[in-house]
Protein backbone atom coordinates (compact mmCIF):
# COMPACT_ATOMS: atom_id res chain seq x y z
CA MET A 1 0.04 0.20 0.07
CA PRO A 2 1.21 3.67 -0.80
CA TYR A 3 2.19 6.52 1.64
CA ARG A 4 1.81 9.80 1.48
CA THR A 5 2.46 13.05 4.02
CA VAL A 6 0.12 15.79 3.44
CA LYS A 7 1.11 19.75 4.21
CA ILE A 8 -1.33 21.90 5.99
CA GLN A 9 -0.41 25.53 7.22
CA LEU A 10 -2.48 26.07 10.45
CA PHE A 11 -3.16 29.66 11.59
CA PRO A 12 -3.87 29.50 15.15
CA LYS A 13 -5.67 32.60 17.06
CA PRO A 14 -3.44 34.60 19.43
CA GLU A 15 -4.91 31.71 22.22
CA GLN A 16 -4.26 28.80 19.96
CA GLU A 17 -0.67 29.41 19.72
CA LYS A 18 0.18 30.26 23.55
CA ARG A 19 -1.48 26.43 23.97
CA MET A 20 0.50 24.83 21.30
CA LEU A 21 3.71 26.66 22.47
CA LEU A 22 2.81 25.48 25.74
CA THR A 23 2.95 21.84 24.44
CA LEU A 24 5.96 22.10 22.10
CA HIS A 25 8.18 23.66 25.31
CA ALA A 26 6.68 20.51 27.28
CA CYS A 27 7.67 18.21 24.83
CA ARG A 28 11.31 20.35 24.64
CA ALA A 29 11.61 20.06 28.52
CA THR A 30 10.43 16.24 28.63
CA TYR A 31 12.82 15.81 25.58
CA ASN A 32 15.58 17.14 27.76
CA ASP A 33 15.35 15.34 30.56
CA LEU A 34 15.04 11.82 29.35
CA ASN A 35 17.76 12.29 27.68
CA GLU A 36 19.82 13.49 30.92
CA TYR A 37 18.04 9.77 32.18
CA CYS A 38 19.17 8.21 29.29
CA ARG A 39 23.09 9.16 29.53
CA ASP A 40 23.36 8.84 32.79
CA PHE A 41 22.88 4.50 31.68
CA THR A 42 25.44 4.81 28.69
CA LYS A 43 27.43 6.25 32.00
CA ARG A 44 26.99 3.17 34.09
CA TYR A 45 27.48 0.73 30.87
CA ASP A 46 30.88 2.48 30.14
CA GLU A 47 31.80 1.85 34.04
CA TRP A 48 29.96 -1.75 33.92
CA ARG A 49 32.59 -2.36 31.07
CA GLU A 50 35.72 -0.79 32.82
CA SER A 51 35.24 -2.78 36.08
CA MET A 52 34.67 -5.66 33.90
CA GLY A 53 37.59 -5.96 31.13
CA VAL A 54 35.46 -5.52 27.93
CA GLN A 55 37.51 -4.95 25.19
CA GLU A 56 36.27 -3.23 22.02
CA GLY A 57 35.21 -5.54 20.00
CA ASP A 58 33.95 -8.08 22.57
CA ASP A 59 30.11 -9.13 23.20
CA ALA A 60 29.43 -7.81 26.34
CA SER A 61 26.70 -10.02 27.62
CA LEU A 62 29.53 -13.08 27.96
CA TYR A 63 30.98 -11.17 30.32
CA GLU A 64 28.06 -10.40 33.12
CA THR A 65 27.07 -12.31 36.19
CA ASP A 66 24.28 -12.77 38.87
CA THR A 67 25.89 -10.09 40.49
CA ASN A 68 27.00 -7.87 38.23
CA PRO A 69 24.24 -7.85 35.48
CA LEU A 70 24.96 -6.03 32.41
CA PRO A 71 23.01 -2.26 32.37
CA ARG A 72 19.76 -2.33 30.14
CA PHE A 73 19.15 0.18 27.82
CA PRO A 74 15.10 1.70 28.76
CA SER A 75 12.61 0.50 26.12
CA GLU A 76 10.31 2.43 24.28
CA PHE A 77 7.37 1.94 26.47
CA GLU A 78 9.23 2.60 30.05
CA LEU A 79 10.73 5.90 28.03
CA THR A 80 7.29 7.02 27.63
CA ALA A 81 5.80 5.73 31.29
CA LYS A 82 8.80 7.67 32.05
CA ALA A 83 8.21 10.55 29.84
CA GLY A 84 4.07 10.78 31.35
CA GLU A 85 5.68 10.68 34.83
CA PHE A 86 7.65 14.01 34.40
CA ARG A 87 4.86 15.42 33.26
CA GLU A 88 2.84 14.16 37.00
CA ILE A 89 6.43 15.59 38.78
CA ASN A 90 7.26 19.43 36.26
CA LEU A 91 3.38 21.28 37.43
CA TRP A 92 3.09 24.09 34.31
CA ARG A 93 3.60 21.09 31.70
CA ARG A 94 0.24 18.91 33.16
CA ASP A 95 -1.35 21.82 31.41
CA ALA A 96 0.59 20.35 28.44
CA TYR A 97 -1.18 17.75 26.45
CA GLY A 98 -0.24 14.69 27.36
CA SER A 99 -0.54 12.47 24.21
CA ALA A 100 1.87 14.91 22.87
CA VAL A 101 4.42 14.73 25.52
CA ARG A 102 4.82 10.96 25.82
CA GLU A 103 5.96 10.77 22.78
CA VAL A 104 8.76 12.26 23.87
CA GLY A 105 9.78 8.67 25.00
CA CYS A 106 9.45 7.45 21.23
CA ARG A 107 11.08 9.83 20.03
CA ILE A 108 14.24 9.42 22.43
CA TYR A 109 14.21 5.90 22.01
CA LYS A 110 14.70 6.45 18.53
CA ALA A 111 17.90 8.76 18.68
CA TYR A 112 19.58 6.21 21.05
CA GLN A 113 19.01 3.45 17.96
CA ARG A 114 20.15 5.20 15.56
CA TRP A 115 23.11 5.88 17.65
CA PHE A 116 23.62 2.88 18.82
CA ASP A 117 23.58 1.44 15.12
CA SER A 118 26.29 4.48 14.34
CA LEU A 119 28.65 3.22 16.08
CA ILE A 120 28.27 -0.32 14.46
CA ASP A 121 28.33 0.79 10.67
CA ASP A 122 30.15 4.41 10.98
CA SER A 123 27.39 5.99 9.83
CA SER A 124 26.99 9.52 10.64
CA ALA A 125 24.36 9.92 13.56
CA GLY A 126 25.57 11.26 16.23
CA LYS A 127 24.61 10.96 20.02
CA PRO A 128 21.82 13.24 21.32
CA ARG A 129 21.78 16.58 21.92
CA PHE A 130 20.04 18.81 24.72
CA ARG A 131 17.62 20.92 22.75
CA THR A 132 17.59 25.06 23.22
CA ASP A 133 13.98 26.10 22.09
CA GLY A 134 15.41 27.38 18.59
CA ARG A 135 16.26 22.96 17.97
CA TYR A 136 12.85 21.69 19.11
CA ASP A 137 10.27 22.56 16.85
CA SER A 138 7.62 19.77 16.48
CA PHE A 139 5.52 17.64 18.27
CA THR A 140 3.41 14.55 17.41
CA TYR A 141 0.00 13.49 18.27
CA THR A 142 -0.27 9.37 17.58
CA GLU A 143 -3.98 9.24 17.36
CA ASN A 144 -5.73 10.03 14.51
CA ASN A 145 -9.30 10.72 16.87
CA LYS A 146 -6.76 13.71 18.09
CA TYR A 147 -6.44 15.53 15.08
CA ARG A 148 -9.14 16.25 12.14
CA LEU A 149 -10.09 17.74 8.85
CA ASP A 150 -14.41 19.92 9.18
CA THR A 151 -15.10 18.06 5.90
CA GLN A 152 -18.57 19.02 6.83
CA GLY A 153 -17.81 22.90 7.14
CA LEU A 154 -16.51 22.72 4.04
CA PHE A 155 -18.92 21.26 2.03
CA LYS A 156 -21.86 23.58 3.32
CA GLY A 157 -18.71 26.84 2.30
CA LYS A 158 -17.26 27.63 5.04
CA LYS A 159 -13.15 28.03 5.55
CA PRO A 160 -11.07 25.07 6.37
CA ARG A 161 -10.06 24.41 10.05
CA MET A 162 -7.80 21.61 11.90
CA PHE A 163 -8.81 20.00 15.09
CA LEU A 164 -6.33 19.68 17.42
CA GLY A 165 -6.03 17.84 21.27
CA GLY A 166 -5.23 20.57 23.51
CA VAL A 167 -6.60 23.50 21.35
CA GLY A 168 -9.52 23.30 19.53
CA TRP A 169 -10.86 23.91 15.67
CA VAL A 170 -7.36 25.86 14.19
CA ARG A 171 -8.36 27.43 10.53
CA SER A 172 -5.85 26.11 7.73
CA SER A 173 -5.04 26.29 4.25
CA ASP A 174 -7.01 24.04 1.77
CA ASN A 175 -5.53 21.10 0.56
CA SER A 176 -7.69 19.33 -2.41
CA ILE A 177 -6.12 15.84 -1.36
CA ILE A 178 -7.07 15.52 2.36
CA LYS A 179 -10.24 15.73 1.93
CA ARG A 180 -10.50 12.57 -0.03
CA VAL A 181 -8.47 10.26 2.43
CA PRO A 182 -11.02 9.08 5.50
CA THR A 183 -10.07 10.04 9.24
CA ASP A 184 -9.23 5.92 9.48
CA CYS A 185 -6.32 6.23 7.20
CA MET A 186 -4.40 8.94 8.80
CA LYS A 187 -1.98 7.40 11.20
CA GLN A 188 -0.26 10.68 12.35
CA ALA A 189 0.27 13.73 12.21
CA VAL A 190 3.16 16.20 13.23
CA ILE A 191 2.63 19.46 14.07
CA SER A 192 5.81 21.85 13.41
CA ARG A 193 6.87 25.23 13.97
CA LYS A 194 8.43 27.42 11.18
CA LYS A 195 10.40 30.81 13.43
CA MET A 196 9.85 34.02 11.37
CA GLY A 197 11.47 36.70 13.18
CA LYS A 198 9.23 37.65 15.60
CA SER A 199 6.33 35.50 14.31
CA ASN A 200 5.69 31.78 13.57
CA LYS A 201 4.22 29.99 11.44
CA TRP A 202 2.66 26.68 11.75
CA TYR A 203 2.12 23.07 9.76
CA ILE A 204 0.47 19.93 10.65
CA THR A 205 1.62 17.28 7.98
CA ILE A 206 -0.20 14.29 8.17
CA PHE A 207 1.09 10.49 7.48
CA CYS A 208 -1.77 8.49 4.99
CA GLU A 209 -1.36 4.91 3.91
CA CYS A 210 -4.55 4.57 2.43
CA LEU A 211 -4.36 6.26 -1.58
CA GLU A 212 -4.03 3.26 -3.35
CA ILE A 213 -2.68 3.00 -7.04
CA PRO A 214 -5.91 3.06 -9.38
CA ASP A 215 -6.49 0.39 -12.03
CA ASN A 216 -8.09 2.42 -14.58
CA ARG A 217 -6.14 5.58 -16.29
CA THR A 218 -8.30 6.92 -18.63
CA TRP A 219 -8.91 9.84 -16.16
CA TYR A 220 -5.57 11.10 -16.46
CA MET A 221 -5.04 9.93 -19.98
CA ASP A 222 -5.45 10.54 -23.25
CA ALA A 223 -7.21 7.44 -24.74
CA GLU A 224 -3.22 6.08 -26.57
CA THR A 225 -1.39 4.21 -24.01
CA PRO A 226 2.64 5.90 -24.50
CA ASP A 227 5.33 4.52 -25.40
CA PRO A 228 7.83 4.14 -22.71
CA VAL A 229 10.37 6.90 -22.13
CA GLY A 230 14.18 7.48 -20.45
CA LEU A 231 14.53 9.95 -18.43
CA ASP A 232 18.09 11.69 -17.69
CA LEU A 233 19.60 13.72 -14.34
CA GLY A 234 21.50 16.54 -15.14
CA ALA A 235 22.57 20.25 -13.10
CA ARG A 236 21.28 22.59 -15.58
CA ARG A 237 18.44 20.66 -17.07
CA VAL A 238 16.88 18.81 -14.13
CA ALA A 239 15.70 15.68 -16.57
CA THR A 240 15.42 15.02 -19.93
CA LEU A 241 12.89 12.52 -21.23
CA THR A 242 13.13 10.88 -24.69
CA ASP A 243 9.64 12.60 -25.90
CA GLY A 244 11.27 16.27 -26.29
CA THR A 245 10.50 16.91 -22.30
CA VAL A 246 13.17 19.32 -20.73
CA VAL A 247 12.30 20.77 -16.82
CA GLU A 248 14.99 23.30 -16.82
CA ASN A 249 16.53 24.77 -13.87
CA HIS A 250 15.83 27.98 -12.91
CA ARG A 251 18.47 28.29 -10.79
CA THR A 252 16.61 29.67 -7.89
CA MET A 253 19.09 29.67 -5.23
CA ARG A 254 21.91 31.32 -7.23
CA LYS A 255 19.35 34.32 -8.38
CA ASN A 256 18.92 35.01 -4.32
CA GLU A 257 22.85 34.11 -3.54
CA LYS A 258 23.64 37.76 -3.21
CA LYS A 259 20.66 38.86 -1.21
CA LEU A 260 21.08 35.85 1.01
CA ALA A 261 24.35 36.61 1.62
CA ARG A 262 24.06 40.09 1.98
CA ILE A 263 21.93 39.02 5.04
CA GLN A 264 23.86 36.77 6.50
CA ARG A 265 26.77 39.22 6.62
CA LYS A 266 24.61 41.75 8.58
CA ILE A 267 23.61 38.73 11.14
CA SER A 268 27.11 37.82 11.55
CA LYS A 269 27.69 41.98 12.79
CA THR A 270 24.50 41.79 15.76
CA GLU A 271 25.14 40.26 19.00
CA LYS A 272 23.14 37.17 19.97
CA GLY A 273 19.74 36.86 21.13
CA SER A 274 19.73 40.51 19.74
CA GLU A 275 16.97 41.95 18.96
CA GLU A 276 18.37 43.35 16.17
CA ARG A 277 19.98 39.61 15.56
CA ARG A 278 16.53 38.13 15.61
CA LYS A 279 14.56 40.69 12.65
CA TYR A 280 17.58 39.65 10.69
CA LEU A 281 17.03 36.23 11.32
CA GLY A 282 13.49 36.54 9.95
CA HIS A 283 14.55 38.25 6.70
CA MET A 284 17.04 35.06 6.19
CA ASN A 285 13.84 32.79 7.08
CA HIS A 286 11.76 34.32 4.90
CA LEU A 287 14.30 34.47 1.85
CA LEU A 288 14.36 30.72 2.24
CA LYS A 289 11.16 29.94 2.53
CA ARG A 290 10.24 31.53 -0.71
CA ILE A 291 12.87 30.41 -2.46
CA GLY A 292 11.72 26.97 -1.11
CA ASP A 293 8.60 27.35 -2.26
CA SER A 294 9.00 28.72 -5.60
CA LYS A 295 11.42 25.20 -5.98
CA ASN A 296 9.22 23.06 -4.74
CA ASP A 297 6.51 24.26 -7.16
CA LEU A 298 7.96 23.85 -10.23
CA LEU A 299 9.17 20.32 -9.64
CA GLN A 300 5.89 19.40 -7.89
CA LYS A 301 4.05 20.66 -11.40
CA ALA A 302 6.90 19.10 -13.01
CA THR A 303 6.57 15.91 -11.92
CA ARG A 304 3.02 16.02 -11.67
CA SER A 305 3.03 16.19 -15.36
CA ILE A 306 5.64 13.29 -16.47
CA ALA A 307 4.05 10.87 -13.98
CA GLN A 308 0.16 11.45 -15.68
CA ASN A 309 1.18 11.07 -18.78
CA ARG A 310 3.58 8.13 -18.96
CA THR A 311 2.97 4.17 -18.68
CA LYS A 312 7.01 3.17 -17.65
CA ILE A 313 9.67 5.69 -17.29
CA PHE A 314 13.46 4.73 -17.63
CA VAL A 315 15.57 6.35 -15.36
CA GLU A 316 19.64 5.41 -13.90
CA ASP A 317 19.94 3.88 -10.97
CA LEU A 318 21.98 6.18 -9.35
CA SER A 319 21.98 8.43 -6.33
CA VAL A 320 22.30 12.11 -6.62
CA ARG A 321 24.92 11.80 -3.93
CA ASP A 322 27.38 10.00 -5.93
CA LEU A 323 26.34 12.40 -9.84
CA ILE A 324 27.75 15.74 -7.70
CA ASP A 325 30.78 13.99 -6.36
CA LEU A 326 30.86 13.15 -10.29
CA GLN A 327 31.54 16.88 -10.47
CA ASP A 328 35.32 18.21 -11.03
CA ASN A 329 34.65 21.48 -10.20
CA LYS A 330 32.52 24.00 -7.22
CA GLU A 331 30.14 25.61 -9.48
CA SER A 332 29.30 22.32 -11.47
CA ARG A 333 28.41 21.54 -7.69
CA LYS A 334 26.53 24.65 -7.10
CA LEU A 335 24.55 23.65 -10.05
CA PHE A 336 23.33 20.40 -9.45
CA ARG A 337 22.44 21.02 -5.98
CA ASP A 338 20.18 24.14 -7.26
CA ALA A 339 18.63 21.75 -9.46
CA SER A 340 17.63 19.56 -6.39
CA ALA A 341 17.32 16.61 -8.18
CA GLY A 342 17.36 14.29 -5.15
CA THR A 343 13.61 15.71 -4.85
CA PHE A 344 13.21 15.82 -8.09
CA MET A 345 13.23 11.74 -8.14
CA ARG A 346 11.25 11.59 -4.33
CA LEU A 347 8.36 13.60 -6.06
CA LEU A 348 8.14 11.37 -9.84
CA ARG A 349 7.96 7.96 -7.36
CA TYR A 350 5.41 8.67 -5.60
CA LYS A 351 3.36 10.53 -7.78
CA GLY A 352 4.02 7.66 -9.95
CA GLU A 353 2.67 5.13 -7.32
CA GLU A 354 -0.76 7.23 -7.18
CA THR A 355 -0.73 7.10 -10.89
CA GLY A 356 0.38 3.94 -11.65
CA SER A 357 3.60 5.04 -13.73
CA GLU A 358 6.32 2.55 -13.17
CA ILE A 359 9.49 3.72 -11.94
CA VAL A 360 12.13 1.62 -13.83
CA PRO A 361 16.38 1.83 -12.61
CA VAL A 362 18.88 0.80 -15.45
CA ASN A 363 22.16 0.26 -15.33
CA PRO A 364 24.05 4.00 -15.47
CA ALA A 365 27.04 2.92 -16.80
CA TYR A 366 28.65 5.27 -19.39
CA THR A 367 24.93 6.56 -20.89
CA SER A 368 26.95 9.55 -20.95
CA ARG A 369 29.46 8.68 -23.05
CA ILE A 370 27.69 5.98 -25.79
CA CYS A 371 27.08 7.31 -29.01
CA THR A 372 22.88 7.32 -29.72
CA LYS A 373 24.15 6.39 -33.52
CA CYS A 374 27.03 4.25 -34.15
CA GLY A 375 27.04 2.82 -30.72
CA MET A 376 31.00 3.56 -30.09
CA LEU A 377 32.11 4.38 -26.41
CA ASN A 378 33.42 8.37 -26.72
CA ASP A 379 35.85 9.43 -23.82
CA PRO A 380 34.83 11.69 -20.61
CA PHE A 381 33.93 15.12 -21.56
CA SER A 382 32.52 18.18 -19.99
CA GLU A 383 30.74 20.16 -22.79
CA GLU A 384 27.04 20.59 -22.86
CA THR A 385 26.93 19.55 -26.76
CA PHE A 386 28.18 15.72 -27.19
CA ARG A 387 30.17 14.69 -30.42
CA CYS A 388 30.89 12.11 -31.66
CA ARG A 389 34.77 11.30 -32.44
CA PHE A 390 33.81 8.16 -34.52
CA CYS A 391 31.33 9.55 -37.42
CA GLY A 392 30.91 12.46 -35.75
CA PHE A 393 27.32 12.61 -34.87
CA THR A 394 26.14 16.44 -32.59
CA ILE A 395 23.44 16.36 -30.07
CA HIS A 396 22.92 17.37 -27.06
CA ARG A 397 24.10 15.75 -24.11
CA ASP A 398 21.41 15.26 -21.74
CA ASP A 399 19.45 13.84 -25.56
CA ASN A 400 22.03 11.34 -25.65
CA ALA A 401 22.12 10.45 -22.33
CA CYS A 402 18.21 9.42 -22.14
CA GLU A 403 17.93 7.74 -25.08
CA ASN A 404 20.16 5.52 -24.10
CA VAL A 405 19.15 5.00 -21.05
CA LEU A 406 16.13 4.58 -22.51
CA ARG A 407 17.60 1.36 -24.74
CA ARG A 408 18.53 -0.21 -21.91
CA GLY A 409 15.98 0.15 -20.19
CA MET A 410 14.02 -1.78 -22.81
CA GLY A 411 16.72 -4.33 -23.06
CA PHE A 412 19.01 -3.56 -25.85
CA ASP A 413 22.87 -3.89 -26.04
CA ILE A 414 23.89 0.43 -26.29
CA LEU A 415 27.57 -0.44 -26.93
CA GLY A 416 28.60 -1.31 -30.24
CA THR A 417 24.99 -1.36 -31.94
CA SER A 418 23.94 1.43 -33.90
CA PRO A 419 20.00 1.39 -33.68
CA ILE A 420 19.22 4.80 -35.68
CA ALA A 421 20.48 4.54 -39.52
């Protein structure tokens, strides 16, 4: 069953925002208390290893005895119960929404599990840190009866609103997708805060798992079933398809780079915690939000158009991080990051699930260097135009690559073949 997250902006009244901030601060304080509680365990565990002489890489369970057992990390259930205890001990936290505060136990448990896993596989997850006000901006509803959309009011022409436990009815932005999702399919909701200087923007992100893949494509596709297409990711072109579709890189970040740098220089000259610093931080957050919204709007529209009108799309089985690492200079890497190819592929995959389009990964080896006319392998090059040194064929490098992706996906041996006369 495909999954979907729906993000809606909330517009709480001042009294409602106070209650939301109270719950947020209670969750942050509980997170820090649980972090201290878990760090006491890790300290006792390190002391136990040292006292028992456990060497690095040894199985610690082989050293435990009846008189000196191995300290056990608290379970998710125990941490959830501990979060409830911290809420009862501190009087001001009792006014916060209890379900959201207890969920912090699950959050801190998962954070420590990621850290424990990183010690084994050398991943980048670090030890959970204590959170200040600016580093804790969300709380979670795990019960779907604690939040809901006022669908009856929408049918009567009223403004959209969401019910939140402990807060009440909050006005929200309109969303055509969430109207079609039954309440029992909503599994979890996260209330998040975005600081915009002196004010805050609030959002609710709802996790759903009931949007089924449609069987009949006639609702959003022409009567004729289109042919499969190949897709190539790039920097100047975010995506190029064999049917001629091109998604250009609008370079949103590059266009606002100087303005962002100017604001950041002003921030660096201000004192931490000052009113002036908060003002410029608000300016920077507003600018970053405009950049993100503009980029997201372009990618959403492009991926929706591609997924709705294709049955099968062949893409290179290559991570975007690998593509960026292949670039030989700083400007090319910045251009690739500005293209947001990773976000493009993530959106295309989930929209493909919704519309029934099949996203098929293929081997990316030499797709940019093999000539689509003579099939010969050329030397690496950095120009936008592909010129075959064997047959003289000239074409845009992305058009050449996506054609090779399509042929390889269709099962042709693209190296040493000449499908085009």
